Each structure stands twice: as C-alpha cells, then as structure tokens.
Amino acid sequence: MSSQKFASLRYTALRVGLLIACFGVVYGLCWAGAVPIAARGSNLVWMLLLALVISAPLSWVLLRKQRDAMSEQIVERVDRAKQKLAANSGQEDAAV
C-alpha cells in the first residue's frame, strides 16, 4: 500500500533526479569541450534545455513502472471523487 500511496512523489523525485544527472553529464561534456557550448558563460540555459531534451525520452523508458503506478493512483483518486460526488448528488435529490 505504501508504494501506491507515494507513487506520484516517487515518480516526480526520480524524474528530477534524472534531469539533474543529465545536466551533470551535459555540463561535464561542455566543460571537457566535447560539446561546443561554453560551460562558463551564459549558456547554462542552453545546457539545461539540452538536459531536458535528453532526460525526456530516458524517463519515458526508464521510469515506466513508476509512471504506471502513479497513473493507477490518480485513477483511484478520481474514481473515489466521482463516487462521492454521485453520493452527494443523490442525497441532494432525496432532500428536495
């Protein structure tokens, strides 16, 4: 149950961690001169964008289980909210 309870938090943390790791790799490649973007200038925004572009497909593949667990958690919450809304609507109809 606890793995389902914090599925969204776990996915978000892993996604941010993957972005930070990709940024570290991009920064290291820029610092070593393998990528023609200067790491010491105002190109940090471009390095961050490159890290975002790299981390997106990686997270799609590597975080599949966590994304599925998060999806199940969200579906359960939406179903509970719909049931509560239907129950409240039924009570209002009976009161009138």
Protein backbone atom coordinates (compact mmCIF):
# COMPACT_ATOMS: atom_id res chain seq x y z
CA MET A 1 0.00 0.00 0.00
CA SER A 2 2.81 2.43 0.79
CA SER A 3 4.26 2.03 -2.70
CA GLN A 4 0.92 3.13 -4.16
CA LYS A 5 0.50 5.91 -1.60
CA PHE A 6 3.59 7.83 -2.65
CA ALA A 7 3.72 6.89 -6.33
CA SER A 8 3.38 10.47 -7.58
CA LEU A 9 6.04 11.74 -5.21
CA ARG A 10 8.42 8.91 -6.14
CA TYR A 11 7.94 9.48 -9.89
CA THR A 12 8.48 13.22 -9.53
CA ALA A 13 11.62 12.75 -7.44
CA LEU A 14 13.06 10.23 -9.89
CA ARG A 15 12.23 12.50 -12.82
CA VAL A 16 14.00 15.46 -11.17
CA GLY A 17 16.95 13.24 -10.28
CA LEU A 18 17.23 12.07 -13.88
CA LEU A 19 17.16 15.68 -15.07
CA ILE A 20 19.93 16.62 -12.63
CA ALA A 21 22.01 13.63 -13.76
CA CYS A 22 21.55 14.57 -17.43
CA PHE A 23 22.51 18.15 -16.64
CA GLY A 24 25.65 16.90 -14.91
CA VAL A 25 26.60 14.85 -17.96
CA VAL A 26 25.92 17.77 -20.33
CA TYR A 27 27.88 20.13 -18.10
CA GLY A 28 30.80 17.69 -17.98
CA LEU A 29 30.78 17.29 -21.75
CA CYS A 30 30.72 21.06 -22.21
CA TRP A 31 33.50 21.56 -19.69
CA ALA A 32 35.62 18.93 -21.45
CA GLY A 33 34.98 20.60 -24.81
CA ALA A 34 33.15 17.65 -26.35
CA VAL A 35 30.04 19.80 -26.88
CA PRO A 36 30.59 23.24 -28.40
CA ILE A 37 28.75 25.12 -25.65
CA ALA A 38 30.81 27.07 -23.14
CA ALA A 39 30.10 25.94 -19.59
CA ARG A 40 31.40 29.15 -18.06
CA GLY A 41 29.24 31.62 -19.97
CA SER A 42 25.59 32.47 -20.19
CA ASN A 43 24.91 29.17 -21.95
CA LEU A 44 23.68 27.44 -18.81
CA VAL A 45 20.14 27.89 -20.11
CA TRP A 46 21.05 26.03 -23.31
CA MET A 47 22.68 23.27 -21.27
CA LEU A 48 19.55 22.97 -19.15
CA LEU A 49 17.39 22.76 -22.27
CA LEU A 50 19.68 20.09 -23.71
CA ALA A 51 19.44 18.16 -20.45
CA LEU A 52 15.63 18.41 -20.62
CA VAL A 53 15.61 17.10 -24.19
CA ILE A 54 17.86 14.19 -23.22
CA SER A 55 16.04 13.32 -19.98
CA ALA A 56 12.54 13.23 -21.54
CA PRO A 57 12.97 10.07 -23.63
CA LEU A 58 15.12 8.49 -20.93
CA SER A 59 12.38 8.98 -18.36
CA TRP A 60 9.81 7.59 -20.79
CA VAL A 61 11.78 4.34 -20.95
CA LEU A 62 13.41 4.10 -17.53
CA LEU A 63 10.51 5.27 -15.35
CA ARG A 64 7.73 3.21 -16.93
CA LYS A 65 6.87 1.26 -13.76
CA GLN A 66 6.74 4.39 -11.63
CA ARG A 67 4.59 6.20 -14.22
CA ASP A 68 2.15 3.28 -14.34
CA ALA A 69 1.91 3.19 -10.53
CA MET A 70 1.28 6.94 -10.48
CA SER A 71 -1.41 6.54 -13.13
CA GLU A 72 -3.16 3.86 -11.07
CA GLN A 73 -3.02 6.12 -8.02
CA ILE A 74 -4.59 9.01 -9.93
CA VAL A 75 -7.32 6.80 -11.41
CA GLU A 76 -8.24 5.51 -7.94
CA ARG A 77 -8.50 9.06 -6.59
CA VAL A 78 -10.66 10.19 -9.49
CA ASP A 79 -12.96 7.18 -9.07
CA ARG A 80 -13.36 7.92 -5.34
CA ALA A 81 -14.14 11.56 -6.09
CA LYS A 82 -16.75 10.53 -8.66
CA GLN A 83 -18.37 8.15 -6.17
CA LYS A 84 -18.51 10.86 -3.51
CA LEU A 85 -19.96 13.33 -5.99
CA ALA A 86 -22.62 10.83 -7.06
CA ALA A 87 -23.48 10.06 -3.41
CA ASN A 88 -23.77 13.75 -2.57
CA SER A 89 -25.89 14.35 -5.64
CA GLY A 90 -28.20 11.51 -4.62
CA GLN A 91 -28.59 12.97 -1.12
CA GLU A 92 -29.48 16.39 -2.55
CA ASP A 93 -32.07 14.85 -4.88
CA ALA A 94 -33.65 12.93 -1.98
CA ALA A 95 -33.81 16.09 0.18
CA VAL A 96 -35.73 18.03 -2.46
